[in-house]
Amino acid sequence: METQISEADWKRFNRGEKGVFVRKLQGFREKAKLAAINQRRQEDAEFRDYVNRYLAQFGVLLEKAEETRPRRRSQHDFPVIRHG
């Protein structure tokens, strides 16, 4: 995958910008495309329901990933081998 997810992207997501990954993965950088999708989402109830279900499932997936993410290790997490 060529799309890179940066630390800044994660920070934006954690601040509440939930569409940051979708835009990156889909390559929607043009405002006209985003506006068309937003308009369809507002006007088409079936499409809106689909998008809402997708985003909810994606949010659950990210929460599960966060729960299982390895935490940062400290020096106390590693066994100490004493030579003597």
PDB file of N, CA and C in Angstrom:
ATOM      1  N   MET A   1       0.851  -1.180   0.000  1.00  0.00           N
ATOM      2  CA  MET A   1       0.000   0.000   0.000  1.00  0.00           C
ATOM      3  C   MET A   1       0.889   1.232   0.000  1.00  0.00           C
ATOM      4  N   GLU A   2       0.610   2.133  -0.897  1.00  0.00           N
ATOM      5  CA  GLU A   2       1.430   3.323  -1.025  1.00  0.00           C
ATOM      6  C   GLU A   2       1.028   4.431  -0.066  1.00  0.00           C
ATOM      7  N   THR A   3      -0.200   4.413   0.405  1.00  0.00           N
ATOM      8  CA  THR A   3      -0.673   5.471   1.293  1.00  0.00           C
ATOM      9  C   THR A   3       0.008   5.342   2.650  1.00  0.00           C
ATOM     10  N   GLN A   4       0.623   6.404   3.081  1.00  0.00           N
ATOM     11  CA  GLN A   4       1.315   6.416   4.360  1.00  0.00           C
ATOM     12  C   GLN A   4       0.429   7.069   5.417  1.00  0.00           C
ATOM     13  N   ILE A   5       0.330   6.453   6.574  1.00  0.00           N
ATOM     14  CA  ILE A   5      -0.406   7.021   7.699  1.00  0.00           C
ATOM     15  C   ILE A   5       0.637   7.611   8.647  1.00  0.00           C
ATOM     16  N   SER A   6       0.573   8.891   8.843  1.00  0.00           N
ATOM     17  CA  SER A   6       1.580   9.571   9.655  1.00  0.00           C
ATOM     18  C   SER A   6       1.107   9.717  11.103  1.00  0.00           C
ATOM     19  N   GLU A   7       2.020  10.100  11.945  1.00  0.00           N
ATOM     20  CA  GLU A   7       1.687  10.389  13.349  1.00  0.00           C
ATOM     21  C   GLU A   7       0.686  11.540  13.421  1.00  0.00           C
ATOM     22  N   ALA A   8       0.831  12.506  12.525  1.00  0.00           N
ATOM     23  CA  ALA A   8      -0.106  13.634  12.481  1.00  0.00           C
ATOM     24  C   ALA A   8      -1.514  13.154  12.146  1.00  0.00           C
ATOM     25  N   ASP A   9      -1.619  12.147  11.269  1.00  0.00           N
ATOM     26  CA  ASP A   9      -2.936  11.586  10.940  1.00  0.00           C
ATOM     27  C   ASP A   9      -3.574  10.955  12.177  1.00  0.00           C
ATOM     28  N   TRP A  10      -2.784  10.204  12.943  1.00  0.00           N
ATOM     29  CA  TRP A  10      -3.316   9.587  14.165  1.00  0.00           C
ATOM     30  C   TRP A  10      -3.775  10.660  15.152  1.00  0.00           C
ATOM     31  N   LYS A  11      -2.999  11.738  15.262  1.00  0.00           N
ATOM     32  CA  LYS A  11      -3.380  12.813  16.172  1.00  0.00           C
ATOM     33  C   LYS A  11      -4.685  13.453  15.735  1.00  0.00           C
ATOM     34  N   ARG A  12      -4.846  13.673  14.431  1.00  0.00           N
ATOM     35  CA  ARG A  12      -6.094  14.243  13.919  1.00  0.00           C
ATOM     36  C   ARG A  12      -7.260  13.310  14.225  1.00  0.00           C
ATOM     37  N   PHE A  13      -7.043  12.011  14.024  1.00  0.00           N
ATOM     38  CA  PHE A  13      -8.099  11.039  14.311  1.00  0.00           C
ATOM     39  C   PHE A  13      -8.471  11.061  15.795  1.00  0.00           C
ATOM     40  N   ASN A  14      -7.470  11.067  16.643  1.00  0.00           N
ATOM     41  CA  ASN A  14      -7.718  11.067  18.093  1.00  0.00           C
ATOM     42  C   ASN A  14      -8.387  12.348  18.576  1.00  0.00           C
ATOM     43  N   ARG A  15      -8.220  13.440  17.831  1.00  0.00           N
ATOM     44  CA  ARG A  15      -8.901  14.691  18.174  1.00  0.00           C
ATOM     45  C   ARG A  15     -10.339  14.703  17.659  1.00  0.00           C
ATOM     46  N   GLY A  16     -10.739  13.648  16.941  1.00  0.00           N
ATOM     47  CA  GLY A  16     -12.121  13.553  16.507  1.00  0.00           C
ATOM     48  C   GLY A  16     -12.350  13.605  15.016  1.00  0.00           C
ATOM     49  N   GLU A  17     -11.311  13.761  14.232  1.00  0.00           N
ATOM     50  CA  GLU A  17     -11.477  13.825  12.783  1.00  0.00           C
ATOM     51  C   GLU A  17     -11.518  12.397  12.241  1.00  0.00           C
ATOM     52  N   LYS A  18     -12.700  11.801  12.275  1.00  0.00           N
ATOM     53  CA  LYS A  18     -12.850  10.379  11.973  1.00  0.00           C
ATOM     54  C   LYS A  18     -12.660  10.019  10.503  1.00  0.00           C
ATOM     55  N   GLY A  19     -12.773  10.968   9.598  1.00  0.00           N
ATOM     56  CA  GLY A  19     -12.654  10.658   8.177  1.00  0.00           C
ATOM     57  C   GLY A  19     -11.241  10.703   7.626  1.00  0.00           C
ATOM     58  N   VAL A  20     -10.271  10.986   8.468  1.00  0.00           N
ATOM     59  CA  VAL A  20      -8.904  11.166   7.982  1.00  0.00           C
ATOM     60  C   VAL A  20      -8.376   9.917   7.282  1.00  0.00           C
ATOM     61  N   PHE A  21      -8.635   8.736   7.806  1.00  0.00           N
ATOM     62  CA  PHE A  21      -8.114   7.512   7.195  1.00  0.00           C
ATOM     63  C   PHE A  21      -8.873   7.148   5.934  1.00  0.00           C
ATOM     64  N   VAL A  22     -10.160   7.334   5.963  1.00  0.00           N
ATOM     65  CA  VAL A  22     -10.958   7.029   4.777  1.00  0.00           C
ATOM     66  C   VAL A  22     -10.501   7.881   3.605  1.00  0.00           C
ATOM     67  N   ARG A  23     -10.297   9.160   3.855  1.00  0.00           N
ATOM     68  CA  ARG A  23      -9.828  10.049   2.788  1.00  0.00           C
ATOM     69  C   ARG A  23      -8.459   9.616   2.274  1.00  0.00           C
ATOM     70  N   LYS A  24      -7.583   9.227   3.173  1.00  0.00           N
ATOM     71  CA  LYS A  24      -6.245   8.804   2.742  1.00  0.00           C
ATOM     72  C   LYS A  24      -6.314   7.520   1.931  1.00  0.00           C
ATOM     73  N   LEU A  25      -7.051   6.544   2.447  1.00  0.00           N
ATOM     74  CA  LEU A  25      -7.119   5.255   1.772  1.00  0.00           C
ATOM     75  C   LEU A  25      -7.781   5.358   0.401  1.00  0.00           C
ATOM     76  N   GLN A  26      -8.759   6.178   0.289  1.00  0.00           N
ATOM     77  CA  GLN A  26      -9.469   6.333  -0.978  1.00  0.00           C
ATOM     78  C   GLN A  26      -8.802   7.352  -1.888  1.00  0.00           C
ATOM     79  N   GLY A  27      -7.886   8.121  -1.362  1.00  0.00           N
ATOM     80  CA  GLY A  27      -7.198   9.104  -2.179  1.00  0.00           C
ATOM     81  C   GLY A  27      -8.054  10.314  -2.508  1.00  0.00           C
ATOM     82  N   PHE A  28      -9.058  10.594  -1.685  1.00  0.00           N
ATOM     83  CA  PHE A  28      -9.935  11.736  -1.932  1.00  0.00           C
ATOM     84  C   PHE A  28      -9.276  13.000  -1.414  1.00  0.00           C
ATOM     85  N   ARG A  29      -8.544  13.630  -2.278  1.00  0.00           N
ATOM     86  CA  ARG A  29      -7.897  14.873  -1.884  1.00  0.00           C
ATOM     87  C   ARG A  29      -8.545  16.069  -2.568  1.00  0.00           C
ATOM     88  N   GLU A  30      -9.361  15.784  -3.565  1.00  0.00           N
ATOM     89  CA  GLU A  30     -10.013  16.872  -4.279  1.00  0.00           C
ATOM     90  C   GLU A  30     -11.309  17.246  -3.572  1.00  0.00           C
ATOM     91  N   LYS A  31     -11.485  18.505  -3.319  1.00  0.00           N
ATOM     92  CA  LYS A  31     -12.667  18.965  -2.597  1.00  0.00           C
ATOM     93  C   LYS A  31     -13.951  18.667  -3.352  1.00  0.00           C
ATOM     94  N   ALA A  32     -13.910  18.675  -4.676  1.00  0.00           N
ATOM     95  CA  ALA A  32     -15.116  18.412  -5.469  1.00  0.00           C
ATOM     96  C   ALA A  32     -15.636  16.997  -5.219  1.00  0.00           C
ATOM     97  N   LYS A  33     -14.722  16.031  -5.123  1.00  0.00           N
ATOM     98  CA  LYS A  33     -15.135  14.651  -4.859  1.00  0.00           C
ATOM     99  C   LYS A  33     -15.732  14.533  -3.455  1.00  0.00           C
ATOM    100  N   LEU A  34     -15.079  15.166  -2.495  1.00  0.00           N
ATOM    101  CA  LEU A  34     -15.602  15.132  -1.128  1.00  0.00           C
ATOM    102  C   LEU A  34     -16.972  15.792  -1.045  1.00  0.00           C
ATOM    103  N   ALA A  35     -17.140  16.888  -1.742  1.00  0.00           N
ATOM    104  CA  ALA A  35     -18.425  17.589  -1.735  1.00  0.00           C
ATOM    105  C   ALA A  35     -19.516  16.727  -2.355  1.00  0.00           C
ATOM    106  N   ALA A  36     -19.204  16.026  -3.439  1.00  0.00           N
ATOM    107  CA  ALA A  36     -20.189  15.156  -4.089  1.00  0.00           C
ATOM    108  C   ALA A  36     -20.605  14.007  -3.171  1.00  0.00           C
ATOM    109  N   ILE A  37     -19.629  13.426  -2.483  1.00  0.00           N
ATOM    110  CA  ILE A  37     -19.934  12.341  -1.552  1.00  0.00           C
ATOM    111  C   ILE A  37     -20.772  12.863  -0.393  1.00  0.00           C
ATOM    112  N   ASN A  38     -20.412  14.002   0.130  1.00  0.00           N
ATOM    113  CA  ASN A  38     -21.162  14.595   1.233  1.00  0.00           C
ATOM    114  C   ASN A  38     -22.599  14.908   0.811  1.00  0.00           C
ATOM    115  N   GLN A  39     -22.756  15.413  -0.389  1.00  0.00           N
ATOM    116  CA  GLN A  39     -24.101  15.727  -0.888  1.00  0.00           C
ATOM    117  C   GLN A  39     -24.925  14.446  -1.017  1.00  0.00           C
ATOM    118  N   ARG A  40     -24.330  13.409  -1.568  1.00  0.00           N
ATOM    119  CA  ARG A  40     -25.063  12.134  -1.697  1.00  0.00           C
ATOM    120  C   ARG A  40     -25.424  11.588  -0.326  1.00  0.00           C
ATOM    121  N   ARG A  41     -24.511  11.713   0.608  1.00  0.00           N
ATOM    122  CA  ARG A  41     -24.776  11.225   1.961  1.00  0.00           C
ATOM    123  C   ARG A  41     -25.955  11.976   2.580  1.00  0.00           C
ATOM    124  N   GLN A  42     -26.053  13.256   2.319  1.00  0.00           N
ATOM    125  CA  GLN A  42     -27.158  14.044   2.861  1.00  0.00           C
ATOM    126  C   GLN A  42     -28.483  13.711   2.188  1.00  0.00           C
ATOM    127  N   GLU A  43     -28.464  13.416   0.903  1.00  0.00           N
ATOM    128  CA  GLU A  43     -29.688  13.236   0.130  1.00  0.00           C
ATOM    129  C   GLU A  43     -30.164  11.792   0.033  1.00  0.00           C
ATOM    130  N   ASP A  44     -29.259  10.829   0.157  1.00  0.00           N
ATOM    131  CA  ASP A  44     -29.589   9.418  -0.071  1.00  0.00           C
ATOM    132  C   ASP A  44     -29.565   8.670   1.263  1.00  0.00           C
ATOM    133  N   ALA A  45     -30.744   8.368   1.803  1.00  0.00           N
ATOM    134  CA  ALA A  45     -30.841   7.737   3.129  1.00  0.00           C
ATOM    135  C   ALA A  45     -30.167   6.367   3.157  1.00  0.00           C
ATOM    136  N   GLU A  46     -30.314   5.587   2.090  1.00  0.00           N
ATOM    137  CA  GLU A  46     -29.703   4.252   2.051  1.00  0.00           C
ATOM    138  C   GLU A  46     -28.178   4.366   2.068  1.00  0.00           C
ATOM    139  N   PHE A  47     -27.650   5.277   1.268  1.00  0.00           N
ATOM    140  CA  PHE A  47     -26.204   5.506   1.239  1.00  0.00           C
ATOM    141  C   PHE A  47     -25.720   5.988   2.602  1.00  0.00           C
ATOM    142  N   ARG A  48     -26.446   6.929   3.203  1.00  0.00           N
ATOM    143  CA  ARG A  48     -26.091   7.473   4.519  1.00  0.00           C
ATOM    144  C   ARG A  48     -26.057   6.366   5.566  1.00  0.00           C
ATOM    145  N   ASP A  49     -27.065   5.479   5.559  1.00  0.00           N
ATOM    146  CA  ASP A  49     -27.098   4.368   6.514  1.00  0.00           C
ATOM    147  C   ASP A  49     -25.903   3.445   6.317  1.00  0.00           C
ATOM    148  N   TYR A  50     -25.575   3.175   5.059  1.00  0.00           N
ATOM    149  CA  TYR A  50     -24.421   2.323   4.753  1.00  0.00           C
ATOM    150  C   TYR A  50     -23.135   2.957   5.278  1.00  0.00           C
ATOM    151  N   VAL A  51     -22.950   4.239   4.993  1.00  0.00           N
ATOM    152  CA  VAL A  51     -21.744   4.951   5.437  1.00  0.00           C
ATOM    153  C   VAL A  51     -21.672   4.963   6.969  1.00  0.00           C
ATOM    154  N   ASN A  52     -22.790   5.227   7.619  1.00  0.00           N
ATOM    155  CA  ASN A  52     -22.808   5.260   9.084  1.00  0.00           C
ATOM    156  C   ASN A  52     -22.461   3.901   9.685  1.00  0.00           C
ATOM    157  N   ARG A  53     -22.989   2.822   9.092  1.00  0.00           N
ATOM    158  CA  ARG A  53     -22.652   1.472   9.581  1.00  0.00           C
ATOM    159  C   ARG A  53     -21.169   1.188   9.375  1.00  0.00           C
ATOM    160  N   TYR A  54     -20.652   1.562   8.210  1.00  0.00           N
ATOM    161  CA  TYR A  54     -19.234   1.350   7.921  1.00  0.00           C
ATOM    162  C   TYR A  54     -18.357   2.093   8.924  1.00  0.00           C
ATOM    163  N   LEU A  55     -18.676   3.363   9.152  1.00  0.00           N
ATOM    164  CA  LEU A  55     -17.873   4.162  10.089  1.00  0.00           C
ATOM    165  C   LEU A  55     -17.957   3.617  11.505  1.00  0.00           C
ATOM    166  N   ALA A  56     -19.129   3.140  11.910  1.00  0.00           N
ATOM    167  CA  ALA A  56     -19.277   2.559  13.244  1.00  0.00           C
ATOM    168  C   ALA A  56     -18.429   1.292  13.375  1.00  0.00           C
ATOM    169  N   GLN A  57     -18.473   0.436  12.357  1.00  0.00           N
ATOM    170  CA  GLN A  57     -17.675  -0.787  12.386  1.00  0.00           C
ATOM    171  C   GLN A  57     -16.185  -0.470  12.347  1.00  0.00           C
ATOM    172  N   PHE A  58     -15.815   0.526  11.570  1.00  0.00           N
ATOM    173  CA  PHE A  58     -14.418   0.938  11.498  1.00  0.00           C
ATOM    174  C   PHE A  58     -13.953   1.465  12.856  1.00  0.00           C
ATOM    175  N   GLY A  59     -14.821   2.227  13.536  1.00  0.00           N
ATOM    176  CA  GLY A  59     -14.495   2.735  14.868  1.00  0.00           C
ATOM    177  C   GLY A  59     -14.274   1.613  15.867  1.00  0.00           C
ATOM    178  N   VAL A  60     -15.127   0.584  15.811  1.00  0.00           N
ATOM    179  CA  VAL A  60     -14.964  -0.576  16.696  1.00  0.00           C
ATOM    180  C   VAL A  60     -13.638  -1.269  16.403  1.00  0.00           C
ATOM    181  N   LEU A  61     -13.320  -1.422  15.128  1.00  0.00           N
ATOM    182  CA  LEU A  61     -12.058  -2.043  14.740  1.00  0.00           C
ATOM    183  C   LEU A  61     -10.864  -1.268  15.295  1.00  0.00           C
ATOM    184  N   LEU A  62     -10.909   0.049  15.192  1.00  0.00           N
ATOM    185  CA  LEU A  62      -9.812   0.868  15.720  1.00  0.00           C
ATOM    186  C   LEU A  62      -9.725   0.780  17.235  1.00  0.00           C
ATOM    187  N   GLU A  63     -10.870   0.720  17.910  1.00  0.00           N
ATOM    188  CA  GLU A  63     -10.863   0.575  19.373  1.00  0.00           C
ATOM    189  C   GLU A  63     -10.239  -0.747  19.778  1.00  0.00           C
ATOM    190  N   LYS A  64     -10.587  -1.821  19.077  1.00  0.00           N
ATOM    191  CA  LYS A  64      -9.997  -3.132  19.374  1.00  0.00           C
ATOM    192  C   LYS A  64      -8.496  -3.118  19.115  1.00  0.00           C
ATOM    193  N   ALA A  65      -8.094  -2.472  18.028  1.00  0.00           N
ATOM    194  CA  ALA A  65      -6.669  -2.383  17.719  1.00  0.00           C
ATOM    195  C   ALA A  65      -5.930  -1.618  18.820  1.00  0.00           C
ATOM    196  N   GLU A  66      -6.542  -0.547  19.310  1.00  0.00           N
ATOM    197  CA  GLU A  66      -5.926   0.244  20.382  1.00  0.00           C
ATOM    198  C   GLU A  66      -5.787  -0.587  21.657  1.00  0.00           C
ATOM    199  N   GLU A  67      -6.800  -1.405  21.951  1.00  0.00           N
ATOM    200  CA  GLU A  67      -6.769  -2.245  23.147  1.00  0.00           C
ATOM    201  C   GLU A  67      -5.665  -3.289  23.089  1.00  0.00           C
ATOM    202  N   THR A  68      -5.376  -3.785  21.892  1.00  0.00           N
ATOM    203  CA  THR A  68      -4.377  -4.840  21.755  1.00  0.00           C
ATOM    204  C   THR A  68      -3.007  -4.318  21.336  1.00  0.00           C
ATOM    205  N   ARG A  69      -2.904  -3.005  21.163  1.00  0.00           N
ATOM    206  CA  ARG A  69      -1.627  -2.407  20.764  1.00  0.00           C
ATOM    207  C   ARG A  69      -0.598  -2.625  21.868  1.00  0.00           C
ATOM    208  N   PRO A  70       0.581  -3.066  21.484  1.00  0.00           N
ATOM    209  CA  PRO A  70       1.616  -3.232  22.510  1.00  0.00           C
ATOM    210  C   PRO A  70       1.920  -1.891  23.184  1.00  0.00           C
ATOM    211  N   ARG A  71       1.972  -1.942  24.473  1.00  0.00           N
ATOM    212  CA  ARG A  71       2.289  -0.707  25.196  1.00  0.00           C
ATOM    213  C   ARG A  71       3.787  -0.474  25.146  1.00  0.00           C
ATOM    214  N   ARG A  72       4.162   0.739  25.450  1.00  0.00           N
ATOM    215  CA  ARG A  72       5.605   1.047  25.453  1.00  0.00           C
ATOM    216  C   ARG A  72       6.264   0.282  26.590  1.00  0.00           C
ATOM    217  N   ARG A  73       7.394  -0.222  26.319  1.00  0.00           N
ATOM    218  CA  ARG A  73       8.100  -1.022  27.320  1.00  0.00           C
ATOM    219  C   ARG A  73       9.031  -0.148  28.157  1.00  0.00           C
ATOM    220  N   SER A  74       9.146  -0.527  29.386  1.00  0.00           N
ATOM    221  CA  SER A  74      10.106   0.144  30.253  1.00  0.00           C
ATOM    222  C   SER A  74      11.234  -0.841  30.551  1.00  0.00           C
ATOM    223  N   GLN A  75      12.239  -0.371  31.226  1.00  0.00           N
ATOM    224  CA  GLN A  75      13.371  -1.234  31.549  1.00  0.00           C
ATOM    225  C   GLN A  75      12.958  -2.368  32.479  1.00  0.00           C
ATOM    226  N   HIS A  76      11.856  -2.201  33.189  1.00  0.00           N
ATOM    227  CA  HIS A  76      11.408  -3.225  34.137  1.00  0.00           C
ATOM    228  C   HIS A  76      10.660  -4.366  33.460  1.00  0.00           C
ATOM    229  N   ASP A  77      10.363  -4.227  32.192  1.00  0.00           N
ATOM    230  CA  ASP A  77       9.640  -5.265  31.462  1.00  0.00           C
ATOM    231  C   ASP A  77      10.562  -6.367  30.952  1.00  0.00           C
ATOM    232  N   PHE A  78      11.850  -6.130  30.962  1.00  0.00           N
ATOM    233  CA  PHE A  78      12.773  -7.094  30.401  1.00  0.00           C
ATOM    234  C   PHE A  78      13.498  -7.835  31.522  1.00  0.00           C
ATOM    235  N   PRO A  79      13.708  -9.143  31.331  1.00  0.00           N
ATOM    236  CA  PRO A  79      14.445  -9.884  32.359  1.00  0.00           C
ATOM    237  C   PRO A  79      15.897  -9.389  32.438  1.00  0.00           C
ATOM    238  N   VAL A  80      16.408  -9.420  33.607  1.00  0.00           N
ATOM    239  CA  VAL A  80      17.785  -8.977  33.822  1.00  0.00           C
ATOM    240  C   VAL A  80      18.652 -10.212  34.000  1.00  0.00           C
ATOM    241  N   ILE A  81      19.711 -10.300  33.232  1.00  0.00           N
ATOM    242  CA  ILE A  81      20.661 -11.396  33.352  1.00  0.00           C
ATOM    243  C   ILE A  81      21.908 -10.837  34.005  1.00  0.00           C
ATOM    244  N   ARG A  82      22.224 -11.390  35.146  1.00  0.00           N
ATOM    245  CA  ARG A  82      23.400 -10.913  35.885  1.00  0.00           C
ATOM    246  C   ARG A  82      24.572 -11.843  35.619  1.00  0.00           C
ATOM    247  N   HIS A  83      25.675 -11.253  35.253  1.00  0.00           N
ATOM    248  CA  HIS A  83      26.893 -12.022  35.036  1.00  0.00           C
ATOM    249  C   HIS A  83      27.773 -11.831  36.256  1.00  0.00           C
ATOM    250  N   GLY A  84      28.321 -12.884  36.711  1.00  0.00           N
ATOM    251  CA  GLY A  84      29.112 -12.670  37.895  1.00  0.00           C
ATOM    252  C   GLY A  84      30.062 -13.688  38.128  1.00  0.00           C
TER     253      GLY A  84
END
